[in-house]
C-alpha atoms as a PDB file:
ATOM      1  CA  MET A   1      -6.314  -4.143 -19.985  1.00  0.00           C
ATOM      2  CA  THR A   2      -6.540  -6.052 -16.824  1.00  0.00           C
ATOM      3  CA  THR A   3      -9.317  -5.514 -14.275  1.00  0.00           C
ATOM      4  CA  PRO A   4      -8.614  -3.322 -11.087  1.00  0.00           C
ATOM      5  CA  LEU A   5      -9.176  -6.454  -8.965  1.00  0.00           C
ATOM      6  CA  ASN A   6      -6.847  -8.651 -10.954  1.00  0.00           C
ATOM      7  CA  ALA A   7      -4.122  -5.830 -10.904  1.00  0.00           C
ATOM      8  CA  ALA A   8      -4.515  -5.347  -7.140  1.00  0.00           C
ATOM      9  CA  GLN A   9      -4.416  -9.033  -6.354  1.00  0.00           C
ATOM     10  CA  ARG A  10      -1.232  -9.342  -8.442  1.00  0.00           C
ATOM     11  CA  LEU A  11       0.353  -6.574  -6.402  1.00  0.00           C
ATOM     12  CA  CYS A  12      -0.718  -8.042  -3.254  1.00  0.00           C
ATOM     13  CA  ASP A  13       0.730 -11.486  -4.192  1.00  0.00           C
ATOM     14  CA  GLU A  14       4.152  -9.565  -5.001  1.00  0.00           C
ATOM     15  CA  LEU A  15       4.130  -7.880  -1.734  1.00  0.00           C
ATOM     16  CA  ALA A  16       3.513 -11.091   0.076  1.00  0.00           C
ATOM     17  CA  ALA A  17       6.595 -12.602  -1.765  1.00  0.00           C
ATOM     18  CA  LEU A  18       8.530  -9.603  -0.058  1.00  0.00           C
ATOM     19  CA  GLY A  19       7.063 -10.360   3.251  1.00  0.00           C
ATOM     20  CA  VAL A  20       4.830  -7.493   3.259  1.00  0.00           C
ATOM     21  CA  ALA A  21       1.144  -8.062   4.402  1.00  0.00           C
ATOM     22  CA  SER A  22      -1.637  -6.434   2.652  1.00  0.00           C
ATOM     23  CA  ASP A  23      -5.282  -6.897   1.644  1.00  0.00           C
ATOM     24  CA  VAL A  24      -7.404  -6.128  -1.351  1.00  0.00           C
ATOM     25  CA  HIS A  25     -10.704  -4.022  -1.483  1.00  0.00           C
ATOM     26  CA  ASP A  26     -12.799  -3.790  -4.580  1.00  0.00           C
ATOM     27  CA  GLY A  27     -15.610  -1.827  -5.971  1.00  0.00           C
ATOM     28  CA  TYR A  28     -16.821   1.058  -8.032  1.00  0.00           C
ATOM     29  CA  GLY A  29     -14.350   0.460 -10.821  1.00  0.00           C
ATOM     30  CA  LEU A  30     -11.390   0.675  -8.594  1.00  0.00           C
ATOM     31  CA  ALA A  31      -9.471  -1.590  -6.372  1.00  0.00           C
ATOM     32  CA  LEU A  32      -7.464  -0.715  -3.179  1.00  0.00           C
ATOM     33  CA  VAL A  33      -4.500  -2.538  -1.657  1.00  0.00           C
ATOM     34  CA  SER A  34      -4.296  -1.624   2.011  1.00  0.00           C
ATOM     35  CA  VAL A  35      -0.709  -2.023   3.238  1.00  0.00           C
ATOM     36  CA  TRP A  36      -0.250  -0.065   6.337  1.00  0.00           C
ATOM     37  CA  TYR A  37      -1.672   2.962   8.234  1.00  0.00           C
ATOM     38  CA  GLY A  38      -1.325   5.750   5.630  1.00  0.00           C
ATOM     39  CA  LEU A  39      -0.204   3.506   2.848  1.00  0.00           C
ATOM     40  CA  VAL A  40      -2.982   2.445   0.359  1.00  0.00           C
ATOM     41  CA  VAL A  41      -2.271   1.748  -3.182  1.00  0.00           C
ATOM     42  CA  TRP A  42      -5.265   2.108  -5.748  1.00  0.00           C
ATOM     43  CA  THR A  43      -5.610   0.963  -9.252  1.00  0.00           C
ATOM     44  CA  ASP A  44      -7.989   1.303 -12.067  1.00  0.00           C
ATOM     45  CA  GLY A  45      -6.353  -1.544 -14.014  1.00  0.00           C
ATOM     46  CA  LEU A  46      -4.056   0.796 -15.880  1.00  0.00           C
ATOM     47  CA  ILE A  47      -1.930   2.305 -13.215  1.00  0.00           C
ATOM     48  CA  PHE A  48      -1.029   1.849  -9.394  1.00  0.00           C
ATOM     49  CA  ARG A  49      -1.023   5.240  -7.411  1.00  0.00           C
ATOM     50  CA  TRP A  50      -0.052   5.588  -3.811  1.00  0.00           C
ATOM     51  CA  GLY A  51       1.015   8.480  -1.489  1.00  0.00           C
ATOM     52  CA  THR A  52       4.843   8.819  -0.605  1.00  0.00           C
ATOM     53  CA  GLY A  53       4.360  10.265   2.794  1.00  0.00           C
ATOM     54  CA  GLU A  54       3.607  13.465   4.477  1.00  0.00           C
ATOM     55  CA  GLY A  55       4.016  16.880   2.510  1.00  0.00           C
ATOM     56  CA  PRO A  56       5.010  20.046   4.126  1.00  0.00           C
ATOM     57  CA  GLY A  57       3.152  20.771   7.308  1.00  0.00           C
ATOM     58  CA  ARG A  58       1.412  18.500   9.538  1.00  0.00           C
ATOM     59  CA  GLY A  59      -1.298  16.070   8.289  1.00  0.00           C
ATOM     60  CA  ARG A  60      -0.900  17.201   4.542  1.00  0.00           C
ATOM     61  CA  PRO A  61      -0.665  14.569   1.938  1.00  0.00           C
ATOM     62  CA  GLY A  62       2.596  14.099   0.274  1.00  0.00           C
ATOM     63  CA  TRP A  63       3.376  13.488  -3.447  1.00  0.00           C
ATOM     64  CA  HIS A  64       1.924  10.582  -5.199  1.00  0.00           C
ATOM     65  CA  ALA A  65       3.898   7.885  -6.955  1.00  0.00           C
ATOM     66  CA  PHE A  66       2.695   6.189 -10.009  1.00  0.00           C
ATOM     67  CA  ALA A  67       3.474   2.891 -11.614  1.00  0.00           C
ATOM     68  CA  PRO A  68       2.053   0.893 -14.784  1.00  0.00           C
ATOM     69  CA  ALA A  69      -0.350  -1.837 -13.461  1.00  0.00           C
ATOM     70  CA  ASP A  70       1.267  -4.305 -15.730  1.00  0.00           C
ATOM     71  CA  ASP A  71       4.440  -4.126 -13.605  1.00  0.00           C
ATOM     72  CA  PRO A  72       3.387  -5.391 -10.201  1.00  0.00           C
ATOM     73  CA  VAL A  73       6.848  -6.695  -9.434  1.00  0.00           C
ATOM     74  CA  THR A  74       8.581  -3.208  -9.627  1.00  0.00           C
ATOM     75  CA  THR A  75       5.545  -1.682  -7.965  1.00  0.00           C
ATOM     76  CA  ALA A  76       5.660  -4.015  -5.028  1.00  0.00           C
ATOM     77  CA  GLN A  77       9.561  -3.260  -4.599  1.00  0.00           C
ATOM     78  CA  ARG A  78       8.687   0.539  -4.273  1.00  0.00           C
ATOM     79  CA  VAL A  79       5.773   0.092  -2.045  1.00  0.00           C
ATOM     80  CA  ALA A  80       7.749  -2.228   0.132  1.00  0.00           C
ATOM     81  CA  GLY A  81      10.202   0.495   0.424  1.00  0.00           C
ATOM     82  CA  CYS A  82       7.450   2.999   1.596  1.00  0.00           C
ATOM     83  CA  TYR A  83       6.110   0.407   3.904  1.00  0.00           C
ATOM     84  CA  ALA A  84       9.554   0.141   5.773  1.00  0.00           C
ATOM     85  CA  GLU A  85       9.901   3.766   6.096  1.00  0.00           C
ATOM     86  CA  LEU A  86       6.497   3.965   7.671  1.00  0.00           C
ATOM     87  CA  ARG A  87       7.079   1.069   9.851  1.00  0.00           C
ATOM     88  CA  ARG A  88      10.208   2.812  11.086  1.00  0.00           C
ATOM     89  CA  LYS A  89       8.530   6.131  11.579  1.00  0.00           C
ATOM     90  CA  HIS A  90       5.339   4.726  13.126  1.00  0.00           C
ATOM     91  CA  PRO A  91       5.750   1.212  14.613  1.00  0.00           C
ATOM     92  CA  CYS A  92       2.824  -0.864  16.047  1.00  0.00           C
ATOM     93  CA  PRO A  93       2.189   0.088  19.602  1.00  0.00           C
ATOM     94  CA  ALA A  94       3.032  -2.399  22.350  1.00  0.00           C
ATOM     95  CA  PRO A  95       0.117  -4.419  23.697  1.00  0.00           C
ATOM     96  CA  ASN A  96      -1.290  -3.027  26.863  1.00  0.00           C
ATOM     97  CA  ALA A  97       0.315  -4.683  29.819  1.00  0.00           C
ATOM     98  CA  TRP A  98      -2.840  -4.187  31.903  1.00  0.00           C
ATOM     99  CA  ALA A  99      -5.447  -5.602  29.348  1.00  0.00           C
ATOM    100  CA  PRO A 100      -6.736  -8.890  30.235  1.00  0.00           C
ATOM    101  CA  GLN A 101      -5.281 -11.828  27.966  1.00  0.00           C
END
């Protein structure tokens, strides 16, 4: 079994290869890969788990997706698809035109 931190870092590296920025947070026997607002992948070293979007009704979590932690390539492809969908639905806000530079 790989450690949660190693699994998360491998996923982060695969996401970077797909042009998706992310960062890793580790602690308490889990590691998290933060990808985008509303898209965080966590791992215990055995599996990756992430939300697939909103469920029925406002603000309710959607279904969770799973993938084996020993397959970061396929997981990164699936997470990148969720990332693209979230970016389409919730793009970054434009910088404030009146804010000092």
